[in-house]
Amino acid sequence: MRYAVPVSGGMVSPHFGHCEHFALIDVDELTKKILKKEIVPSPGHQPGLLPEWLAEQGVSVVIAGGMGSRAQSLFQQNRIGVIIGAMESDPEKAVLGHLNGMLAIGDNICDH
């Protein structure tokens, strides 16, 4: 399974659409271990672009600090799960926390 985590300054970006990079993290769901991590530049913030682009990258789940409702529905249309309100700043720890049912979740900090 592949996770995507928006990253800015090496940390989970508080606003999904304005991140600098994405951490694409492949995991083994059975062993709950990270198999591979790749940092790729964001293709930019254009309406509707990121959900399709991440689907093309094979992403199954997005973990973000905040995300607008339109982006959330576009991810659902692309069959990509969305975890919003992640309070962990380290992308790998966020993914491992989610896998182990221990990811701290707060409010969606994006209100549009």
PDB file of N, CA and C in Angstrom:
ATOM      1  N   MET A   1       0.844  -1.173   0.000  1.00  0.00           N
ATOM      2  CA  MET A   1       0.000   0.000   0.000  1.00  0.00           C
ATOM      3  C   MET A   1       0.890   1.237   0.000  1.00  0.00           C
ATOM      4  N   ARG A   2       0.455   2.242  -0.732  1.00  0.00           N
ATOM      5  CA  ARG A   2       1.234   3.477  -0.831  1.00  0.00           C
ATOM      6  C   ARG A   2       0.478   4.643  -0.187  1.00  0.00           C
ATOM      7  N   TYR A   3       1.195   5.340   0.686  1.00  0.00           N
ATOM      8  CA  TYR A   3       0.686   6.536   1.340  1.00  0.00           C
ATOM      9  C   TYR A   3       1.342   7.760   0.705  1.00  0.00           C
ATOM     10  N   ALA A   4       0.616   8.872   0.711  1.00  0.00           N
ATOM     11  CA  ALA A   4       1.181  10.159   0.310  1.00  0.00           C
ATOM     12  C   ALA A   4       1.000  11.117   1.479  1.00  0.00           C
ATOM     13  N   VAL A   5       2.086  11.809   1.818  1.00  0.00           N
ATOM     14  CA  VAL A   5       2.047  12.796   2.894  1.00  0.00           C
ATOM     15  C   VAL A   5       2.602  14.100   2.325  1.00  0.00           C
ATOM     16  N   PRO A   6       1.810  15.196   2.351  1.00  0.00           N
ATOM     17  CA  PRO A   6       2.322  16.476   1.875  1.00  0.00           C
ATOM     18  C   PRO A   6       3.395  16.986   2.834  1.00  0.00           C
ATOM     19  N   VAL A   7       4.512  17.461   2.269  1.00  0.00           N
ATOM     20  CA  VAL A   7       5.652  17.864   3.085  1.00  0.00           C
ATOM     21  C   VAL A   7       6.131  19.258   2.682  1.00  0.00           C
ATOM     22  N   SER A   8       6.415  20.079   3.698  1.00  0.00           N
ATOM     23  CA  SER A   8       7.052  21.384   3.498  1.00  0.00           C
ATOM     24  C   SER A   8       8.113  21.528   4.578  1.00  0.00           C
ATOM     25  N   GLY A   9       9.321  21.870   4.173  1.00  0.00           N
ATOM     26  CA  GLY A   9      10.402  21.994   5.140  1.00  0.00           C
ATOM     27  C   GLY A   9      10.714  20.693   5.849  1.00  0.00           C
ATOM     28  N   GLY A  10      10.464  19.567   5.186  1.00  0.00           N
ATOM     29  CA  GLY A  10      10.753  18.258   5.763  1.00  0.00           C
ATOM     30  C   GLY A  10       9.716  17.749   6.744  1.00  0.00           C
ATOM     31  N   MET A  11       8.664  18.543   6.975  1.00  0.00           N
ATOM     32  CA  MET A  11       7.639  18.148   7.933  1.00  0.00           C
ATOM     33  C   MET A  11       6.269  18.087   7.265  1.00  0.00           C
ATOM     34  N   VAL A  12       5.319  17.377   7.901  1.00  0.00           N
ATOM     35  CA  VAL A  12       3.962  17.294   7.361  1.00  0.00           C
ATOM     36  C   VAL A  12       3.434  18.714   7.175  1.00  0.00           C
ATOM     37  N   SER A  13       3.005  19.005   5.964  1.00  0.00           N
ATOM     38  CA  SER A  13       2.515  20.345   5.628  1.00  0.00           C
ATOM     39  C   SER A  13       1.130  20.572   6.232  1.00  0.00           C
ATOM     40  N   PRO A  14       0.926  21.731   6.861  1.00  0.00           N
ATOM     41  CA  PRO A  14      -0.382  22.005   7.439  1.00  0.00           C
ATOM     42  C   PRO A  14      -1.474  22.214   6.385  1.00  0.00           C
ATOM     43  N   HIS A  15      -1.090  22.607   5.177  1.00  0.00           N
ATOM     44  CA  HIS A  15      -2.069  22.822   4.116  1.00  0.00           C
ATOM     45  C   HIS A  15      -1.694  21.956   2.923  1.00  0.00           C
ATOM     46  N   PHE A  16      -2.503  20.945   2.680  1.00  0.00           N
ATOM     47  CA  PHE A  16      -2.248  19.942   1.653  1.00  0.00           C
ATOM     48  C   PHE A  16      -1.857  20.529   0.302  1.00  0.00           C
ATOM     49  N   GLY A  17      -2.640  21.437  -0.223  1.00  0.00           N
ATOM     50  CA  GLY A  17      -2.440  21.936  -1.583  1.00  0.00           C
ATOM     51  C   GLY A  17      -1.241  22.844  -1.775  1.00  0.00           C
ATOM     52  N   HIS A  18      -0.660  23.324  -0.680  1.00  0.00           N
ATOM     53  CA  HIS A  18       0.452  24.265  -0.802  1.00  0.00           C
ATOM     54  C   HIS A  18       1.784  23.661  -0.373  1.00  0.00           C
ATOM     55  N   CYS A  19       1.880  22.345  -0.356  1.00  0.00           N
ATOM     56  CA  CYS A  19       3.128  21.697   0.060  1.00  0.00           C
ATOM     57  C   CYS A  19       4.194  21.819  -1.026  1.00  0.00           C
ATOM     58  N   GLU A  20       5.451  21.659  -0.610  1.00  0.00           N
ATOM     59  CA  GLU A  20       6.580  21.692  -1.541  1.00  0.00           C
ATOM     60  C   GLU A  20       6.798  20.329  -2.198  1.00  0.00           C
ATOM     61  N   HIS A  21       6.621  19.280  -1.411  1.00  0.00           N
ATOM     62  CA  HIS A  21       6.893  17.916  -1.854  1.00  0.00           C
ATOM     63  C   HIS A  21       5.826  16.963  -1.325  1.00  0.00           C
ATOM     64  N   PHE A  22       5.874  15.745  -1.829  1.00  0.00           N
ATOM     65  CA  PHE A  22       5.082  14.656  -1.264  1.00  0.00           C
ATOM     66  C   PHE A  22       6.033  13.537  -0.879  1.00  0.00           C
ATOM     67  N   ALA A  23       5.835  13.007   0.327  1.00  0.00           N
ATOM     68  CA  ALA A  23       6.533  11.789   0.725  1.00  0.00           C
ATOM     69  C   ALA A  23       5.630  10.650   0.279  1.00  0.00           C
ATOM     70  N   LEU A  24       6.118   9.840  -0.652  1.00  0.00           N
ATOM     71  CA  LEU A  24       5.393   8.647  -1.085  1.00  0.00           C
ATOM     72  C   LEU A  24       6.006   7.483  -0.324  1.00  0.00           C
ATOM     73  N   ILE A  25       5.207   6.868   0.519  1.00  0.00           N
ATOM     74  CA  ILE A  25       5.714   5.860   1.442  1.00  0.00           C
ATOM     75  C   ILE A  25       4.982   4.550   1.207  1.00  0.00           C
ATOM     76  N   ASP A  26       5.751   3.534   0.791  1.00  0.00           N
ATOM     77  CA  ASP A  26       5.206   2.200   0.571  1.00  0.00           C
ATOM     78  C   ASP A  26       5.340   1.392   1.851  1.00  0.00           C
ATOM     79  N   VAL A  27       4.242   0.733   2.243  1.00  0.00           N
ATOM     80  CA  VAL A  27       4.253  -0.038   3.485  1.00  0.00           C
ATOM     81  C   VAL A  27       3.750  -1.458   3.252  1.00  0.00           C
ATOM     82  N   ASP A  28       4.165  -2.332   4.138  1.00  0.00           N
ATOM     83  CA  ASP A  28       3.623  -3.688   4.203  1.00  0.00           C
ATOM     84  C   ASP A  28       2.599  -3.652   5.335  1.00  0.00           C
ATOM     85  N   GLU A  29       1.330  -3.783   4.988  1.00  0.00           N
ATOM     86  CA  GLU A  29       0.278  -3.674   5.997  1.00  0.00           C
ATOM     87  C   GLU A  29       0.325  -4.808   7.025  1.00  0.00           C
ATOM     88  N   LEU A  30       0.806  -5.976   6.625  1.00  0.00           N
ATOM     89  CA  LEU A  30       0.860  -7.101   7.557  1.00  0.00           C
ATOM     90  C   LEU A  30       1.935  -6.915   8.608  1.00  0.00           C
ATOM     91  N   THR A  31       3.133  -6.522   8.184  1.00  0.00           N
ATOM     92  CA  THR A  31       4.231  -6.345   9.143  1.00  0.00           C
ATOM     93  C   THR A  31       4.261  -4.940   9.726  1.00  0.00           C
ATOM     94  N   LYS A  32       3.461  -4.039   9.133  1.00  0.00           N
ATOM     95  CA  LYS A  32       3.406  -2.633   9.567  1.00  0.00           C
ATOM     96  C   LYS A  32       4.782  -1.966   9.508  1.00  0.00           C
ATOM     97  N   LYS A  33       5.473  -2.229   8.409  1.00  0.00           N
ATOM     98  CA  LYS A  33       6.802  -1.659   8.209  1.00  0.00           C
ATOM     99  C   LYS A  33       6.857  -0.879   6.909  1.00  0.00           C
ATOM    100  N   ILE A  34       7.708   0.139   6.918  1.00  0.00           N
ATOM    101  CA  ILE A  34       7.928   0.934   5.713  1.00  0.00           C
ATOM    102  C   ILE A  34       8.902   0.188   4.812  1.00  0.00           C
ATOM    103  N   LEU A  35       8.520   0.029   3.556  1.00  0.00           N
ATOM    104  CA  LEU A  35       9.357  -0.663   2.580  1.00  0.00           C
ATOM    105  C   LEU A  35      10.200   0.311   1.770  1.00  0.00           C
ATOM    106  N   LYS A  36       9.617   1.496   1.502  1.00  0.00           N
ATOM    107  CA  LYS A  36      10.307   2.461   0.641  1.00  0.00           C
ATOM    108  C   LYS A  36       9.723   3.842   0.896  1.00  0.00           C
ATOM    109  N   LYS A  37      10.594   4.856   0.848  1.00  0.00           N
ATOM    110  CA  LYS A  37      10.147   6.244   0.968  1.00  0.00           C
ATOM    111  C   LYS A  37      10.805   7.050  -0.146  1.00  0.00           C
ATOM    112  N   GLU A  38       9.985   7.829  -0.813  1.00  0.00           N
ATOM    113  CA  GLU A  38      10.469   8.654  -1.917  1.00  0.00           C
ATOM    114  C   GLU A  38       9.896  10.061  -1.735  1.00  0.00           C
ATOM    115  N   ILE A  39      10.739  11.075  -1.856  1.00  0.00           N
ATOM    116  CA  ILE A  39      10.284  12.464  -1.789  1.00  0.00           C
ATOM    117  C   ILE A  39      10.236  12.996  -3.214  1.00  0.00           C
ATOM    118  N   VAL A  40       9.043  13.418  -3.635  1.00  0.00           N
ATOM    119  CA  VAL A  40       8.887  13.929  -5.000  1.00  0.00           C
ATOM    120  C   VAL A  40       8.325  15.347  -4.943  1.00  0.00           C
ATOM    121  N   PRO A  41       8.760  16.216  -5.855  1.00  0.00           N
ATOM    122  CA  PRO A  41       8.240  17.587  -5.877  1.00  0.00           C
ATOM    123  C   PRO A  41       6.743  17.597  -6.200  1.00  0.00           C
ATOM    124  N   SER A  42       6.034  18.504  -5.575  1.00  0.00           N
ATOM    125  CA  SER A  42       4.619  18.674  -5.889  1.00  0.00           C
ATOM    126  C   SER A  42       4.499  19.238  -7.303  1.00  0.00           C
ATOM    127  N   PRO A  43       3.535  18.757  -8.084  1.00  0.00           N
ATOM    128  CA  PRO A  43       3.350  19.310  -9.426  1.00  0.00           C
ATOM    129  C   PRO A  43       2.674  20.680  -9.417  1.00  0.00           C
ATOM    130  N   GLY A  44       2.314  21.162  -8.230  1.00  0.00           N
ATOM    131  CA  GLY A  44       1.680  22.475  -8.129  1.00  0.00           C
ATOM    132  C   GLY A  44       0.257  22.376  -7.643  1.00  0.00           C
ATOM    133  N   HIS A  45      -0.306  23.526  -7.324  1.00  0.00           N
ATOM    134  CA  HIS A  45      -1.651  23.588  -6.779  1.00  0.00           C
ATOM    135  C   HIS A  45      -2.598  24.134  -7.826  1.00  0.00           C
ATOM    136  N   GLN A  46      -3.233  23.225  -8.538  1.00  0.00           N
ATOM    137  CA  GLN A  46      -4.252  23.595  -9.518  1.00  0.00           C
ATOM    138  C   GLN A  46      -5.497  22.785  -9.175  1.00  0.00           C
ATOM    139  N   PRO A  47      -6.680  23.370  -9.260  1.00  0.00           N
ATOM    140  CA  PRO A  47      -7.891  22.641  -8.905  1.00  0.00           C
ATOM    141  C   PRO A  47      -8.003  21.298  -9.630  1.00  0.00           C
ATOM    142  N   GLY A  48      -8.150  20.233  -8.850  1.00  0.00           N
ATOM    143  CA  GLY A  48      -8.357  18.898  -9.401  1.00  0.00           C
ATOM    144  C   GLY A  48      -7.107  18.147  -9.809  1.00  0.00           C
ATOM    145  N   LEU A  49      -5.952  18.801  -9.845  1.00  0.00           N
ATOM    146  CA  LEU A  49      -4.725  18.158 -10.333  1.00  0.00           C
ATOM    147  C   LEU A  49      -4.174  17.099  -9.367  1.00  0.00           C
ATOM    148  N   LEU A  50      -4.036  17.451  -8.098  1.00  0.00           N
ATOM    149  CA  LEU A  50      -3.345  16.570  -7.156  1.00  0.00           C
ATOM    150  C   LEU A  50      -4.031  15.217  -6.939  1.00  0.00           C
ATOM    151  N   PRO A  51      -5.358  15.144  -6.811  1.00  0.00           N
ATOM    152  CA  PRO A  51      -5.970  13.817  -6.651  1.00  0.00           C
ATOM    153  C   PRO A  51      -5.690  12.880  -7.833  1.00  0.00           C
ATOM    154  N   GLU A  52      -5.790  13.412  -9.045  1.00  0.00           N
ATOM    155  CA  GLU A  52      -5.500  12.573 -10.221  1.00  0.00           C
ATOM    156  C   GLU A  52      -4.026  12.192 -10.277  1.00  0.00           C
ATOM    157  N   TRP A  53      -3.146  13.148 -10.003  1.00  0.00           N
ATOM    158  CA  TRP A  53      -1.710  12.895 -10.047  1.00  0.00           C
ATOM    159  C   TRP A  53      -1.312  11.849  -9.009  1.00  0.00           C
ATOM    160  N   LEU A  54      -1.830  11.971  -7.796  1.00  0.00           N
ATOM    161  CA  LEU A  54      -1.496  10.993  -6.758  1.00  0.00           C
ATOM    162  C   LEU A  54      -2.080   9.618  -7.076  1.00  0.00           C
ATOM    163  N   ALA A  55      -3.253   9.581  -7.705  1.00  0.00           N
ATOM    164  CA  ALA A  55      -3.816   8.296  -8.138  1.00  0.00           C
ATOM    165  C   ALA A  55      -2.893   7.645  -9.158  1.00  0.00           C
ATOM    166  N   GLU A  56      -2.340   8.442 -10.076  1.00  0.00           N
ATOM    167  CA  GLU A  56      -1.395   7.912 -11.068  1.00  0.00           C
ATOM    168  C   GLU A  56      -0.120   7.385 -10.414  1.00  0.00           C
ATOM    169  N   GLN A  57       0.216   7.932  -9.229  1.00  0.00           N
ATOM    170  CA  GLN A  57       1.409   7.480  -8.500  1.00  0.00           C
ATOM    171  C   GLN A  57       1.127   6.204  -7.701  1.00  0.00           C
ATOM    172  N   GLY A  58      -0.110   5.725  -7.729  1.00  0.00           N
ATOM    173  CA  GLY A  58      -0.475   4.494  -7.026  1.00  0.00           C
ATOM    174  C   GLY A  58      -0.812   4.692  -5.556  1.00  0.00           C
ATOM    175  N   VAL A  59      -1.143   5.905  -5.173  1.00  0.00           N
ATOM    176  CA  VAL A  59      -1.445   6.215  -3.778  1.00  0.00           C
ATOM    177  C   VAL A  59      -2.811   5.657  -3.386  1.00  0.00           C
ATOM    178  N   SER A  60      -2.868   5.052  -2.184  1.00  0.00           N
ATOM    179  CA  SER A  60      -4.120   4.525  -1.640  1.00  0.00           C
ATOM    180  C   SER A  60      -4.681   5.397  -0.530  1.00  0.00           C
ATOM    181  N   VAL A  61      -3.786   6.071   0.220  1.00  0.00           N
ATOM    182  CA  VAL A  61      -4.194   6.875   1.370  1.00  0.00           C
ATOM    183  C   VAL A  61      -3.353   8.138   1.429  1.00  0.00           C
ATOM    184  N   VAL A  62      -4.004   9.271   1.746  1.00  0.00           N
ATOM    185  CA  VAL A  62      -3.318  10.539   1.973  1.00  0.00           C
ATOM    186  C   VAL A  62      -3.468  10.892   3.446  1.00  0.00           C
ATOM    187  N   ILE A  63      -2.357  11.268   4.070  1.00  0.00           N
ATOM    188  CA  ILE A  63      -2.384  11.761   5.443  1.00  0.00           C
ATOM    189  C   ILE A  63      -1.978  13.224   5.384  1.00  0.00           C
ATOM    190  N   ALA A  64      -2.838  14.112   5.916  1.00  0.00           N
ATOM    191  CA  ALA A  64      -2.564  15.551   5.832  1.00  0.00           C
ATOM    192  C   ALA A  64      -2.997  16.264   7.105  1.00  0.00           C
ATOM    193  N   GLY A  65      -2.426  17.449   7.302  1.00  0.00           N
ATOM    194  CA  GLY A  65      -2.838  18.293   8.415  1.00  0.00           C
ATOM    195  C   GLY A  65      -4.179  18.936   8.132  1.00  0.00           C
ATOM    196  N   GLY A  66      -4.354  19.418   6.909  1.00  0.00           N
ATOM    197  CA  GLY A  66      -5.598  20.057   6.535  1.00  0.00           C
ATOM    198  C   GLY A  66      -5.839  19.954   5.043  1.00  0.00           C
ATOM    199  N   MET A  67      -7.131  19.946   4.657  1.00  0.00           N
ATOM    200  CA  MET A  67      -7.489  19.810   3.248  1.00  0.00           C
ATOM    201  C   MET A  67      -8.909  20.334   3.052  1.00  0.00           C
ATOM    202  N   GLY A  68      -9.106  21.052   1.969  1.00  0.00           N
ATOM    203  CA  GLY A  68     -10.437  21.561   1.649  1.00  0.00           C
ATOM    204  C   GLY A  68     -11.411  20.458   1.279  1.00  0.00           C
ATOM    205  N   SER A  69     -12.698  20.758   1.386  1.00  0.00           N
ATOM    206  CA  SER A  69     -13.732  19.750   1.135  1.00  0.00           C
ATOM    207  C   SER A  69     -13.777  19.304  -0.328  1.00  0.00           C
ATOM    208  N   ARG A  70     -13.477  20.210  -1.249  1.00  0.00           N
ATOM    209  CA  ARG A  70     -13.476  19.821  -2.673  1.00  0.00           C
ATOM    210  C   ARG A  70     -12.392  18.784  -2.958  1.00  0.00           C
ATOM    211  N   ALA A  71     -11.203  19.006  -2.412  1.00  0.00           N
ATOM    212  CA  ALA A  71     -10.117  18.040  -2.599  1.00  0.00           C
ATOM    213  C   ALA A  71     -10.493  16.697  -1.977  1.00  0.00           C
ATOM    214  N   GLN A  72     -11.117  16.731  -0.820  1.00  0.00           N
ATOM    215  CA  GLN A  72     -11.527  15.485  -0.172  1.00  0.00           C
ATOM    216  C   GLN A  72     -12.469  14.682  -1.061  1.00  0.00           C
ATOM    217  N   SER A  73     -13.438  15.357  -1.670  1.00  0.00           N
ATOM    218  CA  SER A  73     -14.381  14.629  -2.523  1.00  0.00           C
ATOM    219  C   SER A  73     -13.707  14.124  -3.798  1.00  0.00           C
ATOM    220  N   LEU A  74     -12.733  14.878  -4.318  1.00  0.00           N
ATOM    221  CA  LEU A  74     -12.003  14.402  -5.504  1.00  0.00           C
ATOM    222  C   LEU A  74     -11.171  13.166  -5.176  1.00  0.00           C
ATOM    223  N   PHE A  75     -10.611  13.125  -3.979  1.00  0.00           N
ATOM    224  CA  PHE A  75      -9.886  11.915  -3.572  1.00  0.00           C
ATOM    225  C   PHE A  75     -10.827  10.731  -3.468  1.00  0.00           C
ATOM    226  N   GLN A  76     -12.017  10.937  -2.916  1.00  0.00           N
ATOM    227  CA  GLN A  76     -12.995   9.855  -2.830  1.00  0.00           C
ATOM    228  C   GLN A  76     -13.341   9.340  -4.219  1.00  0.00           C
ATOM    229  N   GLN A  77     -13.501  10.251  -5.181  1.00  0.00           N
ATOM    230  CA  GLN A  77     -13.808   9.848  -6.554  1.00  0.00           C
ATOM    231  C   GLN A  77     -12.678   9.014  -7.149  1.00  0.00           C
ATOM    232  N   ASN A  78     -11.442   9.261  -6.705  1.00  0.00           N
ATOM    233  CA  ASN A  78     -10.281   8.510  -7.198  1.00  0.00           C
ATOM    234  C   ASN A  78      -9.964   7.302  -6.310  1.00  0.00           C
ATOM    235  N   ARG A  79     -10.885   6.979  -5.388  1.00  0.00           N
ATOM    236  CA  ARG A  79     -10.746   5.825  -4.480  1.00  0.00           C
ATOM    237  C   ARG A  79      -9.485   5.902  -3.622  1.00  0.00           C
ATOM    238  N   ILE A  80      -9.187   7.104  -3.148  1.00  0.00           N
ATOM    239  CA  ILE A  80      -8.044   7.319  -2.265  1.00  0.00           C
ATOM    240  C   ILE A  80      -8.588   7.762  -0.911  1.00  0.00           C
ATOM    241  N   GLY A  81      -8.188   7.046   0.144  1.00  0.00           N
ATOM    242  CA  GLY A  81      -8.611   7.399   1.487  1.00  0.00           C
ATOM    243  C   GLY A  81      -7.903   8.651   1.961  1.00  0.00           C
ATOM    244  N   VAL A  82      -8.561   9.412   2.834  1.00  0.00           N
ATOM    245  CA  VAL A  82      -8.000  10.669   3.336  1.00  0.00           C
ATOM    246  C   VAL A  82      -8.053  10.676   4.860  1.00  0.00           C
ATOM    247  N   ILE A  83      -6.910  10.935   5.471  1.00  0.00           N
ATOM    248  CA  ILE A  83      -6.803  11.116   6.910  1.00  0.00           C
ATOM    249  C   ILE A  83      -6.427  12.582   7.113  1.00  0.00           C
ATOM    250  N   ILE A  84      -7.304  13.344   7.769  1.00  0.00           N
ATOM    251  CA  ILE A  84      -7.086  14.776   7.934  1.00  0.00           C
ATOM    252  C   ILE A  84      -6.923  15.114   9.410  1.00  0.00           C
ATOM    253  N   GLY A  85      -6.124  16.142   9.669  1.00  0.00           N
ATOM    254  CA  GLY A  85      -5.925  16.607  11.039  1.00  0.00           C
ATOM    255  C   GLY A  85      -4.750  15.938  11.720  1.00  0.00           C
ATOM    256  N   ALA A  86      -3.852  15.332  10.921  1.00  0.00           N
ATOM    257  CA  ALA A  86      -2.683  14.659  11.492  1.00  0.00           C
ATOM    258  C   ALA A  86      -1.867  15.654  12.301  1.00  0.00           C
ATOM    259  N   MET A  87      -1.549  15.278  13.526  1.00  0.00           N
ATOM    260  CA  MET A  87      -0.801  16.164  14.408  1.00  0.00           C
ATOM    261  C   MET A  87       0.685  15.809  14.459  1.00  0.00           C
ATOM    262  N   GLU A  88       1.065  14.710  13.829  1.00  0.00           N
ATOM    263  CA  GLU A  88       2.468  14.280  13.774  1.00  0.00           C
ATOM    264  C   GLU A  88       3.190  15.090  12.705  1.00  0.00           C
ATOM    265  N   SER A  89       4.381  15.578  13.003  1.00  0.00           N
ATOM    266  CA  SER A  89       5.114  16.388  12.028  1.00  0.00           C
ATOM    267  C   SER A  89       6.042  15.563  11.133  1.00  0.00           C
ATOM    268  N   ASP A  90       6.405  14.365  11.562  1.00  0.00           N
ATOM    269  CA  ASP A  90       7.303  13.511  10.777  1.00  0.00           C
ATOM    270  C   ASP A  90       6.470  12.609   9.864  1.00  0.00           C
ATOM    271  N   PRO A  91       6.686  12.673   8.541  1.00  0.00           N
ATOM    272  CA  PRO A  91       5.868  11.881   7.613  1.00  0.00           C
ATOM    273  C   PRO A  91       5.896  10.376   7.894  1.00  0.00           C
ATOM    274  N   GLU A  92       7.078   9.818   8.152  1.00  0.00           N
ATOM    275  CA  GLU A  92       7.168   8.380   8.416  1.00  0.00           C
ATOM    276  C   GLU A  92       6.443   8.000   9.698  1.00  0.00           C
ATOM    277  N   LYS A  93       6.612   8.806  10.740  1.00  0.00           N
ATOM    278  CA  LYS A  93       5.930   8.527  12.004  1.00  0.00           C
ATOM    279  C   LYS A  93       4.418   8.641  11.845  1.00  0.00           C
ATOM    280  N   ALA A  94       3.957   9.569  10.992  1.00  0.00           N
ATOM    281  CA  ALA A  94       2.521   9.710  10.742  1.00  0.00           C
ATOM    282  C   ALA A  94       1.967   8.433  10.107  1.00  0.00           C
ATOM    283  N   VAL A  95       2.667   7.901   9.114  1.00  0.00           N
ATOM    284  CA  VAL A  95       2.214   6.678   8.441  1.00  0.00           C
ATOM    285  C   VAL A  95       2.239   5.505   9.416  1.00  0.00           C
ATOM    286  N   LEU A  96       3.341   5.344  10.140  1.00  0.00           N
ATOM    287  CA  LEU A  96       3.430   4.242  11.106  1.00  0.00           C
ATOM    288  C   LEU A  96       2.378   4.380  12.201  1.00  0.00           C
ATOM    289  N   GLY A  97       2.131   5.617  12.639  1.00  0.00           N
ATOM    290  CA  GLY A  97       1.088   5.850  13.638  1.00  0.00           C
ATOM    291  C   GLY A  97      -0.278   5.432  13.130  1.00  0.00           C
ATOM    292  N   HIS A  98      -0.565   5.747  11.866  1.00  0.00           N
ATOM    293  CA  HIS A  98      -1.846   5.351  11.277  1.00  0.00           C
ATOM    294  C   HIS A  98      -1.934   3.831  11.171  1.00  0.00           C
ATOM    295  N   LEU A  99      -0.875   3.202  10.720  1.00  0.00           N
ATOM    296  CA  LEU A  99      -0.865   1.741  10.583  1.00  0.00           C
ATOM    297  C   LEU A  99      -1.118   1.047  11.917  1.00  0.00           C
ATOM    298  N   ASN A 100      -0.606   1.634  12.990  1.00  0.00           N
ATOM    299  CA  ASN A 100      -0.725   1.032  14.317  1.00  0.00           C
ATOM    300  C   ASN A 100      -1.908   1.579  15.115  1.00  0.00           C
ATOM    301  N   GLY A 101      -2.755   2.391  14.474  1.00  0.00           N
ATOM    302  CA  GLY A 101      -3.925   2.932  15.143  1.00  0.00           C
ATOM    303  C   GLY A 101      -3.605   3.936  16.233  1.00  0.00           C
ATOM    304  N   MET A 102      -2.446   4.609  16.108  1.00  0.00           N
ATOM    305  CA  MET A 102      -2.013   5.527  17.150  1.00  0.00           C
ATOM    306  C   MET A 102      -1.742   6.943  16.646  1.00  0.00           C
ATOM    307  N   LEU A 103      -2.186   7.268  15.438  1.00  0.00           N
ATOM    308  CA  LEU A 103      -1.954   8.607  14.897  1.00  0.00           C
ATOM    309  C   LEU A 103      -2.890   9.607  15.573  1.00  0.00           C
ATOM    310  N   ALA A 104      -2.303  10.625  16.200  1.00  0.00           N
ATOM    311  CA  ALA A 104      -3.110  11.665  16.839  1.00  0.00           C
ATOM    312  C   ALA A 104      -3.744  12.534  15.762  1.00  0.00           C
ATOM    313  N   ILE A 105      -5.057  12.715  15.871  1.00  0.00           N
ATOM    314  CA  ILE A 105      -5.806  13.498  14.901  1.00  0.00           C
ATOM    315  C   ILE A 105      -6.460  14.672  15.621  1.00  0.00           C
ATOM    316  N   GLY A 106      -6.325  15.850  15.027  1.00  0.00           N
ATOM    317  CA  GLY A 106      -6.975  17.051  15.548  1.00  0.00           C
ATOM    318  C   GLY A 106      -7.971  17.567  14.530  1.00  0.00           C
ATOM    319  N   ASP A 107      -8.225  18.855  14.587  1.00  0.00           N
ATOM    320  CA  ASP A 107      -9.149  19.483  13.656  1.00  0.00           C
ATOM    321  C   ASP A 107      -8.514  19.650  12.279  1.00  0.00           C
ATOM    322  N   ASN A 108      -9.356  19.653  11.258  1.00  0.00           N
ATOM    323  CA  ASN A 108      -8.922  19.979   9.909  1.00  0.00           C
ATOM    324  C   ASN A 108      -8.583  21.473   9.920  1.00  0.00           C
ATOM    325  N   ILE A 109      -7.310  21.789   9.732  1.00  0.00           N
ATOM    326  CA  ILE A 109      -6.903  23.191   9.831  1.00  0.00           C
ATOM    327  C   ILE A 109      -7.163  23.991   8.553  1.00  0.00           C
ATOM    328  N   CYS A 110      -7.731  23.350   7.560  1.00  0.00           N
ATOM    329  CA  CYS A 110      -8.070  24.025   6.301  1.00  0.00           C
ATOM    330  C   CYS A 110      -9.585  24.198   6.265  1.00  0.00           C
ATOM    331  N   ASP A 111     -10.039  25.417   6.126  1.00  0.00           N
ATOM    332  CA  ASP A 111     -11.472  25.666   6.237  1.00  0.00           C
ATOM    333  C   ASP A 111     -12.156  26.028   4.915  1.00  0.00           C
ATOM    334  N   HIS A 112     -11.554  25.644   3.795  1.00  0.00           N
ATOM    335  CA  HIS A 112     -12.249  25.940   2.531  1.00  0.00           C
ATOM    336  C   HIS A 112     -12.538  24.679   1.758  1.00  0.00           C
TER     337      HIS A 112
END
